[in-house]
PDB file of N, CA and C in Angstrom:
ATOM      1  N   MET A   1       0.835  -1.181   0.000  1.00  0.00           N
ATOM      2  CA  MET A   1       0.000   0.000   0.000  1.00  0.00           C
ATOM      3  C   MET A   1       0.879   1.244   0.000  1.00  0.00           C
ATOM      4  N   ASN A   2       0.385   2.269  -0.568  1.00  0.00           N
ATOM      5  CA  ASN A   2       1.039   3.555  -0.604  1.00  0.00           C
ATOM      6  C   ASN A   2       1.099   4.148   0.811  1.00  0.00           C
ATOM      7  N   PHE A   3       2.127   4.959   1.080  1.00  0.00           N
ATOM      8  CA  PHE A   3       2.310   5.562   2.402  1.00  0.00           C
ATOM      9  C   PHE A   3       1.103   6.410   2.788  1.00  0.00           C
ATOM     10  N   PHE A   4       0.641   7.247   1.883  1.00  0.00           N
ATOM     11  CA  PHE A   4      -0.480   8.136   2.198  1.00  0.00           C
ATOM     12  C   PHE A   4      -1.803   7.387   2.267  1.00  0.00           C
ATOM     13  N   THR A   5      -1.924   6.326   1.498  1.00  0.00           N
ATOM     14  CA  THR A   5      -3.119   5.485   1.584  1.00  0.00           C
ATOM     15  C   THR A   5      -3.197   4.826   2.951  1.00  0.00           C
ATOM     16  N   ARG A   6      -2.060   4.348   3.443  1.00  0.00           N
ATOM     17  CA  ARG A   6      -2.023   3.720   4.762  1.00  0.00           C
ATOM     18  C   ARG A   6      -2.368   4.733   5.857  1.00  0.00           C
ATOM     19  N   ILE A   7      -1.888   5.963   5.722  1.00  0.00           N
ATOM     20  CA  ILE A   7      -2.207   7.002   6.702  1.00  0.00           C
ATOM     21  C   ILE A   7      -3.705   7.298   6.686  1.00  0.00           C
ATOM     22  N   LEU A   8      -4.283   7.382   5.515  1.00  0.00           N
ATOM     23  CA  LEU A   8      -5.719   7.642   5.400  1.00  0.00           C
ATOM     24  C   LEU A   8      -6.536   6.491   5.995  1.00  0.00           C
ATOM     25  N   ILE A   9      -6.146   5.268   5.705  1.00  0.00           N
ATOM     26  CA  ILE A   9      -6.863   4.104   6.247  1.00  0.00           C
ATOM     27  C   ILE A   9      -6.732   4.049   7.765  1.00  0.00           C
ATOM     28  N   ASP A  10      -5.527   4.309   8.286  1.00  0.00           N
ATOM     29  CA  ASP A  10      -5.349   4.317   9.741  1.00  0.00           C
ATOM     30  C   ASP A  10      -6.152   5.433  10.406  1.00  0.00           C
ATOM     31  N   THR A  11      -6.254   6.575   9.740  1.00  0.00           N
ATOM     32  CA  THR A  11      -7.072   7.669  10.271  1.00  0.00           C
ATOM     33  C   THR A  11      -8.528   7.246  10.391  1.00  0.00           C
ATOM     34  N   ILE A  12      -9.041   6.628   9.344  1.00  0.00           N
ATOM     35  CA  ILE A  12     -10.431   6.165   9.368  1.00  0.00           C
ATOM     36  C   ILE A  12     -10.617   5.084  10.434  1.00  0.00           C
ATOM     37  N   LEU A  13      -9.642   4.198  10.560  1.00  0.00           N
ATOM     38  CA  LEU A  13      -9.733   3.154  11.595  1.00  0.00           C
ATOM     39  C   LEU A  13      -9.700   3.748  12.997  1.00  0.00           C
ATOM     40  N   PHE A  14      -8.847   4.738  13.226  1.00  0.00           N
ATOM     41  CA  PHE A  14      -8.800   5.386  14.541  1.00  0.00           C
ATOM     42  C   PHE A  14     -10.144   6.010  14.892  1.00  0.00           C
ATOM     43  N   ILE A  15     -10.751   6.700  13.938  1.00  0.00           N
ATOM     44  CA  ILE A  15     -12.040   7.346  14.197  1.00  0.00           C
ATOM     45  C   ILE A  15     -13.121   6.301  14.439  1.00  0.00           C
ATOM     46  N   ALA A  16     -13.129   5.260  13.624  1.00  0.00           N
ATOM     47  CA  ALA A  16     -14.146   4.214  13.770  1.00  0.00           C
ATOM     48  C   ALA A  16     -13.996   3.470  15.093  1.00  0.00           C
ATOM     49  N   LEU A  17     -12.773   3.141  15.468  1.00  0.00           N
ATOM     50  CA  LEU A  17     -12.562   2.411  16.718  1.00  0.00           C
ATOM     51  C   LEU A  17     -12.823   3.291  17.938  1.00  0.00           C
ATOM     52  N   ALA A  18     -12.522   4.581  17.823  1.00  0.00           N
ATOM     53  CA  ALA A  18     -12.840   5.493  18.931  1.00  0.00           C
ATOM     54  C   ALA A  18     -14.352   5.583  19.112  1.00  0.00           C
ATOM     55  N   GLY A  19     -15.082   5.586  18.005  1.00  0.00           N
ATOM     56  CA  GLY A  19     -16.539   5.590  18.098  1.00  0.00           C
ATOM     57  C   GLY A  19     -17.077   4.275  18.637  1.00  0.00           C
ATOM     58  N   LEU A  20     -16.457   3.164  18.238  1.00  0.00           N
ATOM     59  CA  LEU A  20     -16.895   1.850  18.702  1.00  0.00           C
ATOM     60  C   LEU A  20     -16.693   1.689  20.209  1.00  0.00           C
ATOM     61  N   PHE A  21     -15.569   2.182  20.712  1.00  0.00           N
ATOM     62  CA  PHE A  21     -15.255   2.040  22.130  1.00  0.00           C
ATOM     63  C   PHE A  21     -15.528   3.319  22.931  1.00  0.00           C
ATOM     64  N   ALA A  22     -16.377   4.190  22.414  1.00  0.00           N
ATOM     65  CA  ALA A  22     -16.654   5.473  23.071  1.00  0.00           C
ATOM     66  C   ALA A  22     -17.294   5.287  24.446  1.00  0.00           C
ATOM     67  N   GLN A  23     -18.213   4.360  24.570  1.00  0.00           N
ATOM     68  CA  GLN A  23     -18.917   4.164  25.847  1.00  0.00           C
ATOM     69  C   GLN A  23     -18.054   3.470  26.892  1.00  0.00           C
ATOM     70  N   THR A  24     -17.043   2.730  26.460  1.00  0.00           N
ATOM     71  CA  THR A  24     -16.213   2.000  27.418  1.00  0.00           C
ATOM     72  C   THR A  24     -15.079   2.843  27.970  1.00  0.00           C
ATOM     73  N   GLY A  25     -14.655   3.863  27.228  1.00  0.00           N
ATOM     74  CA  GLY A  25     -13.534   4.687  27.674  1.00  0.00           C
ATOM     75  C   GLY A  25     -12.187   4.045  27.428  1.00  0.00           C
ATOM     76  N   MET A  26     -12.146   2.966  26.652  1.00  0.00           N
ATOM     77  CA  MET A  26     -10.883   2.279  26.382  1.00  0.00           C
ATOM     78  C   MET A  26      -9.978   3.068  25.451  1.00  0.00           C
ATOM     79  N   PHE A  27     -10.573   3.772  24.502  1.00  0.00           N
ATOM     80  CA  PHE A  27      -9.813   4.437  23.452  1.00  0.00           C
ATOM     81  C   PHE A  27     -10.481   5.772  23.154  1.00  0.00           C
ATOM     82  N   TYR A  28      -9.684   6.826  23.099  1.00  0.00           N
ATOM     83  CA  TYR A  28     -10.234   8.169  22.898  1.00  0.00           C
ATOM     84  C   TYR A  28      -9.419   8.920  21.857  1.00  0.00           C
ATOM     85  N   VAL A  29     -10.112   9.511  20.903  1.00  0.00           N
ATOM     86  CA  VAL A  29      -9.519  10.411  19.910  1.00  0.00           C
ATOM     87  C   VAL A  29     -10.370  11.670  19.919  1.00  0.00           C
ATOM     88  N   SER A  30      -9.743  12.832  20.086  1.00  0.00           N
ATOM     89  CA  SER A  30     -10.529  14.055  20.261  1.00  0.00           C
ATOM     90  C   SER A  30     -11.110  14.607  18.960  1.00  0.00           C
ATOM     91  N   SER A  31     -10.425  14.421  17.828  1.00  0.00           N
ATOM     92  CA  SER A  31     -10.954  14.960  16.567  1.00  0.00           C
ATOM     93  C   SER A  31     -10.370  14.205  15.385  1.00  0.00           C
ATOM     94  N   ILE A  32     -10.889  14.545  14.227  1.00  0.00           N
ATOM     95  CA  ILE A  32     -10.388  13.925  12.993  1.00  0.00           C
ATOM     96  C   ILE A  32      -8.944  14.338  12.740  1.00  0.00           C
ATOM     97  N   TRP A  33      -8.625  15.590  13.055  1.00  0.00           N
ATOM     98  CA  TRP A  33      -7.265  16.081  12.811  1.00  0.00           C
ATOM     99  C   TRP A  33      -6.265  15.406  13.728  1.00  0.00           C
ATOM    100  N   VAL A  34      -6.679  15.104  14.931  1.00  0.00           N
ATOM    101  CA  VAL A  34      -5.805  14.372  15.855  1.00  0.00           C
ATOM    102  C   VAL A  34      -5.603  12.950  15.350  1.00  0.00           C
ATOM    103  N   ALA A  35      -6.652  12.344  14.806  1.00  0.00           N
ATOM    104  CA  ALA A  35      -6.525  11.000  14.239  1.00  0.00           C
ATOM    105  C   ALA A  35      -5.571  11.004  13.046  1.00  0.00           C
ATOM    106  N   LEU A  36      -5.638  12.048  12.229  1.00  0.00           N
ATOM    107  CA  LEU A  36      -4.722  12.171  11.093  1.00  0.00           C
ATOM    108  C   LEU A  36      -3.285  12.353  11.569  1.00  0.00           C
ATOM    109  N   LEU A  37      -3.086  13.188  12.577  1.00  0.00           N
ATOM    110  CA  LEU A  37      -1.753  13.378  13.157  1.00  0.00           C
ATOM    111  C   LEU A  37      -1.244  12.085  13.775  1.00  0.00           C
ATOM    112  N   ALA A  38      -2.106  11.374  14.495  1.00  0.00           N
ATOM    113  CA  ALA A  38      -1.703  10.113  15.114  1.00  0.00           C
ATOM    114  C   ALA A  38      -1.347   9.078  14.057  1.00  0.00           C
ATOM    115  N   SER A  39      -2.064   9.061  12.956  1.00  0.00           N
ATOM    116  CA  SER A  39      -1.747   8.125  11.874  1.00  0.00           C
ATOM    117  C   SER A  39      -0.393   8.437  11.257  1.00  0.00           C
ATOM    118  N   PHE A  40      -0.113   9.713  11.087  1.00  0.00           N
ATOM    119  CA  PHE A  40       1.183  10.110  10.537  1.00  0.00           C
ATOM    120  C   PHE A  40       2.316   9.751  11.496  1.00  0.00           C
ATOM    121  N   ILE A  41       2.122  10.007  12.777  1.00  0.00           N
ATOM    122  CA  ILE A  41       3.148   9.678  13.769  1.00  0.00           C
ATOM    123  C   ILE A  41       3.335   8.171  13.855  1.00  0.00           C
ATOM    124  N   LEU A  42       2.237   7.411  13.820  1.00  0.00           N
ATOM    125  CA  LEU A  42       2.340   5.957  13.843  1.00  0.00           C
ATOM    126  C   LEU A  42       3.096   5.442  12.623  1.00  0.00           C
ATOM    127  N   ALA A  43       2.848   6.016  11.465  1.00  0.00           N
ATOM    128  CA  ALA A  43       3.565   5.602  10.258  1.00  0.00           C
ATOM    129  C   ALA A  43       5.062   5.907  10.382  1.00  0.00           C
ATOM    130  N   CYS A  44       5.394   7.062  10.925  1.00  0.00           N
ATOM    131  CA  CYS A  44       6.807   7.408  11.121  1.00  0.00           C
ATOM    132  C   CYS A  44       7.472   6.489  12.144  1.00  0.00           C
ATOM    133  N   LEU A  45       6.767   6.195  13.221  1.00  0.00           N
ATOM    134  CA  LEU A  45       7.314   5.284  14.229  1.00  0.00           C
ATOM    135  C   LEU A  45       7.473   3.875  13.675  1.00  0.00           C
ATOM    136  N   ASN A  46       6.545   3.454  12.827  1.00  0.00           N
ATOM    137  CA  ASN A  46       6.658   2.130  12.214  1.00  0.00           C
ATOM    138  C   ASN A  46       7.869   2.035  11.297  1.00  0.00           C
ATOM    139  N   VAL A  47       8.256   3.147  10.698  1.00  0.00           N
ATOM    140  CA  VAL A  47       9.428   3.144   9.834  1.00  0.00           C
ATOM    141  C   VAL A  47      10.717   3.240  10.645  1.00  0.00           C
ATOM    142  N   LEU A  48      10.715   4.051  11.704  1.00  0.00           N
ATOM    143  CA  LEU A  48      11.946   4.330  12.438  1.00  0.00           C
ATOM    144  C   LEU A  48      12.199   3.410  13.634  1.00  0.00           C
ATOM    145  N   VAL A  49      11.174   3.126  14.424  1.00  0.00           N
ATOM    146  CA  VAL A  49      11.371   2.436  15.698  1.00  0.00           C
ATOM    147  C   VAL A  49      11.015   0.948  15.625  1.00  0.00           C
ATOM    148  N   LYS A  50       9.982   0.620  14.894  1.00  0.00           N
ATOM    149  CA  LYS A  50       9.496  -0.758  14.875  1.00  0.00           C
ATOM    150  C   LYS A  50      10.546  -1.772  14.402  1.00  0.00           C
ATOM    151  N   PRO A  51      11.362  -1.476  13.378  1.00  0.00           N
ATOM    152  CA  PRO A  51      12.393  -2.462  13.006  1.00  0.00           C
ATOM    153  C   PRO A  51      13.391  -2.746  14.115  1.00  0.00           C
ATOM    154  N   ILE A  52      13.714  -1.732  14.887  1.00  0.00           N
ATOM    155  CA  ILE A  52      14.648  -1.924  16.000  1.00  0.00           C
ATOM    156  C   ILE A  52      14.018  -2.802  17.065  1.00  0.00           C
ATOM    157  N   LEU A  53      12.764  -2.525  17.421  1.00  0.00           N
ATOM    158  CA  LEU A  53      12.061  -3.357  18.404  1.00  0.00           C
ATOM    159  C   LEU A  53      11.887  -4.780  17.906  1.00  0.00           C
ATOM    160  N   TRP A  54      11.647  -4.934  16.607  1.00  0.00           N
ATOM    161  CA  TRP A  54      11.450  -6.252  16.043  1.00  0.00           C
ATOM    162  C   TRP A  54      12.728  -7.077  16.120  1.00  0.00           C
ATOM    163  N   VAL A  55      13.876  -6.463  15.826  1.00  0.00           N
ATOM    164  CA  VAL A  55      15.152  -7.181  15.891  1.00  0.00           C
ATOM    165  C   VAL A  55      15.492  -7.523  17.338  1.00  0.00           C
ATOM    166  N   LEU A  56      15.261  -6.599  18.254  1.00  0.00           N
ATOM    167  CA  LEU A  56      15.560  -6.864  19.660  1.00  0.00           C
ATOM    168  C   LEU A  56      14.679  -7.960  20.246  1.00  0.00           C
ATOM    169  N   SER A  57      13.461  -8.075  19.758  1.00  0.00           N
ATOM    170  CA  SER A  57      12.542  -9.078  20.298  1.00  0.00           C
ATOM    171  C   SER A  57      12.457 -10.326  19.433  1.00  0.00           C
ATOM    172  N   LEU A  58      13.374 -10.491  18.512  1.00  0.00           N
ATOM    173  CA  LEU A  58      13.322 -11.628  17.590  1.00  0.00           C
ATOM    174  C   LEU A  58      13.329 -12.985  18.297  1.00  0.00           C
ATOM    175  N   PRO A  59      14.171 -13.208  19.317  1.00  0.00           N
ATOM    176  CA  PRO A  59      14.128 -14.525  19.974  1.00  0.00           C
ATOM    177  C   PRO A  59      12.772 -14.836  20.624  1.00  0.00           C
ATOM    178  N   ILE A  60      12.210 -13.878  21.324  1.00  0.00           N
ATOM    179  CA  ILE A  60      10.916 -14.130  21.968  1.00  0.00           C
ATOM    180  C   ILE A  60       9.805 -14.215  20.923  1.00  0.00           C
ATOM    181  N   ASN A  61       9.975 -13.494  19.818  1.00  0.00           N
ATOM    182  CA  ASN A  61       8.992 -13.566  18.741  1.00  0.00           C
ATOM    183  C   ASN A  61       9.022 -14.951  18.082  1.00  0.00           C
ATOM    184  N   ILE A  62      10.192 -15.525  17.944  1.00  0.00           N
ATOM    185  CA  ILE A  62      10.299 -16.877  17.386  1.00  0.00           C
ATOM    186  C   ILE A  62       9.712 -17.897  18.352  1.00  0.00           C
ATOM    187  N   MET A  63       9.978 -17.724  19.640  1.00  0.00           N
ATOM    188  CA  MET A  63       9.451 -18.681  20.632  1.00  0.00           C
ATOM    189  C   MET A  63       7.928 -18.639  20.719  1.00  0.00           C
ATOM    190  N   THR A  64       7.337 -17.487  20.490  1.00  0.00           N
ATOM    191  CA  THR A  64       5.876 -17.380  20.572  1.00  0.00           C
ATOM    192  C   THR A  64       5.217 -17.510  19.195  1.00  0.00           C
ATOM    193  N   LEU A  65       6.004 -17.917  18.192  1.00  0.00           N
ATOM    194  CA  LEU A  65       5.507 -18.107  16.827  1.00  0.00           C
ATOM    195  C   LEU A  65       4.887 -16.839  16.245  1.00  0.00           C
ATOM    196  N   GLY A  66       5.465 -15.705  16.572  1.00  0.00           N
ATOM    197  CA  GLY A  66       5.036 -14.432  16.009  1.00  0.00           C
ATOM    198  C   GLY A  66       3.977 -13.691  16.805  1.00  0.00           C
ATOM    199  N   LEU A  67       3.457 -14.292  17.864  1.00  0.00           N
ATOM    200  CA  LEU A  67       2.401 -13.630  18.629  1.00  0.00           C
ATOM    201  C   LEU A  67       2.913 -12.432  19.431  1.00  0.00           C
ATOM    202  N   PHE A  68       4.211 -12.380  19.673  1.00  0.00           N
ATOM    203  CA  PHE A  68       4.762 -11.239  20.405  1.00  0.00           C
ATOM    204  C   PHE A  68       4.690  -9.955  19.577  1.00  0.00           C
ATOM    205  N   SER A  69       4.495 -10.087  18.269  1.00  0.00           N
ATOM    206  CA  SER A  69       4.371  -8.898  17.431  1.00  0.00           C
ATOM    207  C   SER A  69       3.135  -8.083  17.805  1.00  0.00           C
ATOM    208  N   ILE A  70       2.134  -8.719  18.413  1.00  0.00           N
ATOM    209  CA  ILE A  70       0.964  -7.980  18.908  1.00  0.00           C
ATOM    210  C   ILE A  70       1.385  -7.030  20.021  1.00  0.00           C
ATOM    211  N   VAL A  71       2.284  -7.485  20.869  1.00  0.00           N
ATOM    212  CA  VAL A  71       2.797  -6.635  21.951  1.00  0.00           C
ATOM    213  C   VAL A  71       3.580  -5.467  21.360  1.00  0.00           C
ATOM    214  N   ILE A  72       4.368  -5.741  20.329  1.00  0.00           N
ATOM    215  CA  ILE A  72       5.133  -4.666  19.683  1.00  0.00           C
ATOM    216  C   ILE A  72       4.184  -3.643  19.069  1.00  0.00           C
ATOM    217  N   ASN A  73       3.111  -4.106  18.437  1.00  0.00           N
ATOM    218  CA  ASN A  73       2.128  -3.176  17.871  1.00  0.00           C
ATOM    219  C   ASN A  73       1.442  -2.362  18.964  1.00  0.00           C
ATOM    220  N   GLY A  74       1.179  -2.981  20.112  1.00  0.00           N
ATOM    221  CA  GLY A  74       0.613  -2.243  21.244  1.00  0.00           C
ATOM    222  C   GLY A  74       1.571  -1.185  21.760  1.00  0.00           C
ATOM    223  N   VAL A  75       2.855  -1.520  21.804  1.00  0.00           N
ATOM    224  CA  VAL A  75       3.873  -0.549  22.226  1.00  0.00           C
ATOM    225  C   VAL A  75       3.928   0.620  21.242  1.00  0.00           C
ATOM    226  N   MET A  76       3.812   0.314  19.956  1.00  0.00           N
ATOM    227  CA  MET A  76       3.831   1.387  18.952  1.00  0.00           C
ATOM    228  C   MET A  76       2.631   2.318  19.122  1.00  0.00           C
ATOM    229  N   LEU A  77       1.471   1.757  19.440  1.00  0.00           N
ATOM    230  CA  LEU A  77       0.299   2.607  19.672  1.00  0.00           C
ATOM    231  C   LEU A  77       0.449   3.431  20.949  1.00  0.00           C
ATOM    232  N   GLN A  78       1.044   2.856  21.986  1.00  0.00           N
ATOM    233  CA  GLN A  78       1.286   3.616  23.216  1.00  0.00           C
ATOM    234  C   GLN A  78       2.291   4.754  22.968  1.00  0.00           C
ATOM    235  N   LEU A  79       3.323   4.482  22.161  1.00  0.00           N
ATOM    236  CA  LEU A  79       4.269   5.540  21.809  1.00  0.00           C
ATOM    237  C   LEU A  79       3.580   6.643  21.007  1.00  0.00           C
ATOM    238  N   THR A  80       2.687   6.257  20.125  1.00  0.00           N
ATOM    239  CA  THR A  80       1.917   7.248  19.370  1.00  0.00           C
ATOM    240  C   THR A  80       1.103   8.117  20.313  1.00  0.00           C
ATOM    241  N   SER A  81       0.469   7.490  21.295  1.00  0.00           N
ATOM    242  CA  SER A  81      -0.303   8.237  22.283  1.00  0.00           C
ATOM    243  C   SER A  81       0.585   9.202  23.063  1.00  0.00           C
ATOM    244  N   TYR A  82       1.783   8.773  23.381  1.00  0.00           N
ATOM    245  CA  TYR A  82       2.721   9.621  24.112  1.00  0.00           C
ATOM    246  C   TYR A  82       3.113  10.845  23.287  1.00  0.00           C
ATOM    247  N   PHE A  83       3.415  10.643  21.993  1.00  0.00           N
ATOM    248  CA  PHE A  83       3.860  11.746  21.149  1.00  0.00           C
ATOM    249  C   PHE A  83       2.730  12.685  20.757  1.00  0.00           C
ATOM    250  N   VAL A  84       1.532  12.154  20.563  1.00  0.00           N
ATOM    251  CA  VAL A  84       0.399  13.017  20.225  1.00  0.00           C
ATOM    252  C   VAL A  84      -0.057  13.791  21.454  1.00  0.00           C
ATOM    253  N   GLY A  85      -0.056  13.141  22.581  1.00  0.00           N
ATOM    254  CA  GLY A  85      -0.517  13.746  23.827  1.00  0.00           C
ATOM    255  C   GLY A  85      -1.726  12.997  24.338  1.00  0.00           C
ATOM    256  N   SER A  86      -1.640  12.549  25.575  1.00  0.00           N
ATOM    257  CA  SER A  86      -2.716  11.723  26.116  1.00  0.00           C
ATOM    258  C   SER A  86      -4.012  12.514  26.319  1.00  0.00           C
ATOM    259  N   MET A  87      -3.940  13.818  26.220  1.00  0.00           N
ATOM    260  CA  MET A  87      -5.145  14.629  26.336  1.00  0.00           C
ATOM    261  C   MET A  87      -6.024  14.500  25.086  1.00  0.00           C
ATOM    262  N   TYR A  88      -5.379  14.211  23.946  1.00  0.00           N
ATOM    263  CA  TYR A  88      -6.087  14.162  22.672  1.00  0.00           C
ATOM    264  C   TYR A  88      -6.268  12.753  22.119  1.00  0.00           C
ATOM    265  N   PHE A  89      -5.384  11.841  22.501  1.00  0.00           N
ATOM    266  CA  PHE A  89      -5.364  10.493  21.937  1.00  0.00           C
ATOM    267  C   PHE A  89      -4.802   9.574  23.010  1.00  0.00           C
ATOM    268  N   HIS A  90      -5.651   8.697  23.567  1.00  0.00           N
ATOM    269  CA  HIS A  90      -5.120   7.839  24.618  1.00  0.00           C
ATOM    270  C   HIS A  90      -5.876   6.519  24.725  1.00  0.00           C
ATOM    271  N   PHE A  91      -5.224   5.601  25.405  1.00  0.00           N
ATOM    272  CA  PHE A  91      -5.778   4.285  25.704  1.00  0.00           C
ATOM    273  C   PHE A  91      -5.906   4.173  27.211  1.00  0.00           C
ATOM    274  N   SER A  92      -6.910   3.434  27.669  1.00  0.00           N
ATOM    275  CA  SER A  92      -7.107   3.303  29.107  1.00  0.00           C
ATOM    276  C   SER A  92      -6.066   2.399  29.745  1.00  0.00           C
ATOM    277  N   SER A  93      -5.532   1.445  28.987  1.00  0.00           N
ATOM    278  CA  SER A  93      -4.525   0.527  29.505  1.00  0.00           C
ATOM    279  C   SER A  93      -3.720  -0.039  28.346  1.00  0.00           C
ATOM    280  N   PHE A  94      -2.683  -0.788  28.680  1.00  0.00           N
ATOM    281  CA  PHE A  94      -1.889  -1.422  27.639  1.00  0.00           C
ATOM    282  C   PHE A  94      -2.688  -2.534  26.956  1.00  0.00           C
ATOM    283  N   GLY A  95      -3.556  -3.184  27.703  1.00  0.00           N
ATOM    284  CA  GLY A  95      -4.430  -4.198  27.117  1.00  0.00           C
ATOM    285  C   GLY A  95      -5.361  -3.606  26.071  1.00  0.00           C
ATOM    286  N   ALA A  96      -5.856  -2.405  26.326  1.00  0.00           N
ATOM    287  CA  ALA A  96      -6.700  -1.720  25.342  1.00  0.00           C
ATOM    288  C   ALA A  96      -5.895  -1.390  24.092  1.00  0.00           C
ATOM    289  N   ALA A  97      -4.648  -0.975  24.265  1.00  0.00           N
ATOM    290  CA  ALA A  97      -3.792  -0.688  23.116  1.00  0.00           C
ATOM    291  C   ALA A  97      -3.535  -1.953  22.307  1.00  0.00           C
ATOM    292  N   MET A  98      -3.361  -3.081  22.990  1.00  0.00           N
ATOM    293  CA  MET A  98      -3.145  -4.338  22.273  1.00  0.00           C
ATOM    294  C   MET A  98      -4.405  -4.779  21.538  1.00  0.00           C
ATOM    295  N   LEU A  99      -5.576  -4.578  22.139  1.00  0.00           N
ATOM    296  CA  LEU A  99      -6.834  -4.925  21.463  1.00  0.00           C
ATOM    297  C   LEU A  99      -7.025  -4.067  20.220  1.00  0.00           C
ATOM    298  N   ILE A 100      -6.764  -2.779  20.320  1.00  0.00           N
ATOM    299  CA  ILE A 100      -6.863  -1.890  19.164  1.00  0.00           C
ATOM    300  C   ILE A 100      -5.834  -2.292  18.109  1.00  0.00           C
ATOM    301  N   ALA A 101      -4.636  -2.701  18.559  1.00  0.00           N
ATOM    302  CA  ALA A 101      -3.598  -3.142  17.618  1.00  0.00           C
ATOM    303  C   ALA A 101      -4.035  -4.388  16.854  1.00  0.00           C
ATOM    304  N   ILE A 102      -4.681  -5.322  17.534  1.00  0.00           N
ATOM    305  CA  ILE A 102      -5.170  -6.532  16.869  1.00  0.00           C
ATOM    306  C   ILE A 102      -6.229  -6.180  15.834  1.00  0.00           C
ATOM    307  N   ILE A 103      -7.185  -5.353  16.218  1.00  0.00           N
ATOM    308  CA  ILE A 103      -8.264  -4.972  15.303  1.00  0.00           C
ATOM    309  C   ILE A 103      -7.702  -4.217  14.101  1.00  0.00           C
ATOM    310  N   MET A 104      -6.765  -3.296  14.349  1.00  0.00           N
ATOM    311  CA  MET A 104      -6.178  -2.539  13.250  1.00  0.00           C
ATOM    312  C   MET A 104      -5.358  -3.432  12.327  1.00  0.00           C
ATOM    313  N   SER A 105      -4.649  -4.401  12.888  1.00  0.00           N
ATOM    314  CA  SER A 105      -3.850  -5.318  12.063  1.00  0.00           C
ATOM    315  C   SER A 105      -4.742  -6.154  11.155  1.00  0.00           C
ATOM    316  N   VAL A 106      -5.841  -6.647  11.702  1.00  0.00           N
ATOM    317  CA  VAL A 106      -6.765  -7.441  10.890  1.00  0.00           C
ATOM    318  C   VAL A 106      -7.377  -6.584   9.782  1.00  0.00           C
ATOM    319  N   CYS A 107      -7.823  -5.393  10.136  1.00  0.00           N
ATOM    320  CA  CYS A 107      -8.426  -4.504   9.128  1.00  0.00           C
ATOM    321  C   CYS A 107      -7.408  -4.103   8.073  1.00  0.00           C
ATOM    322  N   ASN A 108      -6.183  -3.785   8.467  1.00  0.00           N
ATOM    323  CA  ASN A 108      -5.145  -3.432   7.499  1.00  0.00           C
ATOM    324  C   ASN A 108      -4.802  -4.606   6.596  1.00  0.00           C
ATOM    325  N   ALA A 109      -4.786  -5.810   7.137  1.00  0.00           N
ATOM    326  CA  ALA A 109      -4.498  -6.986   6.317  1.00  0.00           C
ATOM    327  C   ALA A 109      -5.593  -7.214   5.283  1.00  0.00           C
ATOM    328  N   ILE A 110      -6.829  -7.046   5.693  1.00  0.00           N
ATOM    329  CA  ILE A 110      -7.952  -7.214   4.761  1.00  0.00           C
ATOM    330  C   ILE A 110      -7.919  -6.130   3.688  1.00  0.00           C
ATOM    331  N   LEU A 111      -7.699  -4.883   4.098  1.00  0.00           N
ATOM    332  CA  LEU A 111      -7.678  -3.787   3.128  1.00  0.00           C
ATOM    333  C   LEU A 111      -6.460  -3.839   2.223  1.00  0.00           C
ATOM    334  N   ALA A 112      -5.321  -4.286   2.722  1.00  0.00           N
ATOM    335  CA  ALA A 112      -4.127  -4.400   1.903  1.00  0.00           C
ATOM    336  C   ALA A 112      -4.325  -5.458   0.817  1.00  0.00           C
ATOM    337  N   ASP A 113      -5.065  -6.492   1.131  1.00  0.00           N
ATOM    338  CA  ASP A 113      -5.352  -7.525   0.149  1.00  0.00           C
ATOM    339  C   ASP A 113      -6.238  -7.005  -0.975  1.00  0.00           C
ATOM    340  N   HIS A 114      -7.120  -6.086  -0.653  1.00  0.00           N
ATOM    341  CA  HIS A 114      -8.056  -5.565  -1.646  1.00  0.00           C
ATOM    342  C   HIS A 114      -7.527  -4.341  -2.387  1.00  0.00           C
ATOM    343  N   THR A 115      -6.470  -3.710  -1.904  1.00  0.00           N
ATOM    344  CA  THR A 115      -5.960  -2.510  -2.565  1.00  0.00           C
ATOM    345  C   THR A 115      -4.686  -2.764  -3.346  1.00  0.00           C
ATOM    346  N   ASN A 116      -4.235  -4.019  -3.441  1.00  0.00           N
ATOM    347  CA  ASN A 116      -3.039  -4.308  -4.235  1.00  0.00           C
ATOM    348  C   ASN A 116      -3.307  -4.041  -5.704  1.00  0.00           C
ATOM    349  N   ASP A 117      -2.304  -3.505  -6.358  1.00  0.00           N
ATOM    350  CA  ASP A 117      -2.456  -3.179  -7.791  1.00  0.00           C
ATOM    351  C   ASP A 117      -2.101  -4.363  -8.650  1.00  0.00           C
TER     352      ASP A 117
END
């Protein structure tokens, strides 16, 4: 997928998931512009930080047959929340960040399959 397409899809997913979990308080996004900023920051972190975390966690990732990558995705979302500001974009717990990471990974996998050229 194109870089900007991924940012747009992540923005829509952030807004949709914030609306889905609005009553629970698990995930909060204050506006569409914050979701767009968070998507851009997440994309930058995925390019800069995620490869380093992936290499450092490679042994545990192999032992868990790749399931530890969910934890890495949760960490990336928590870092995004930190950089955007917890006042505008936050998760209630690390478990909530991991749940959002799982849902976003599944949605991105489905959409990536349908948007290939």
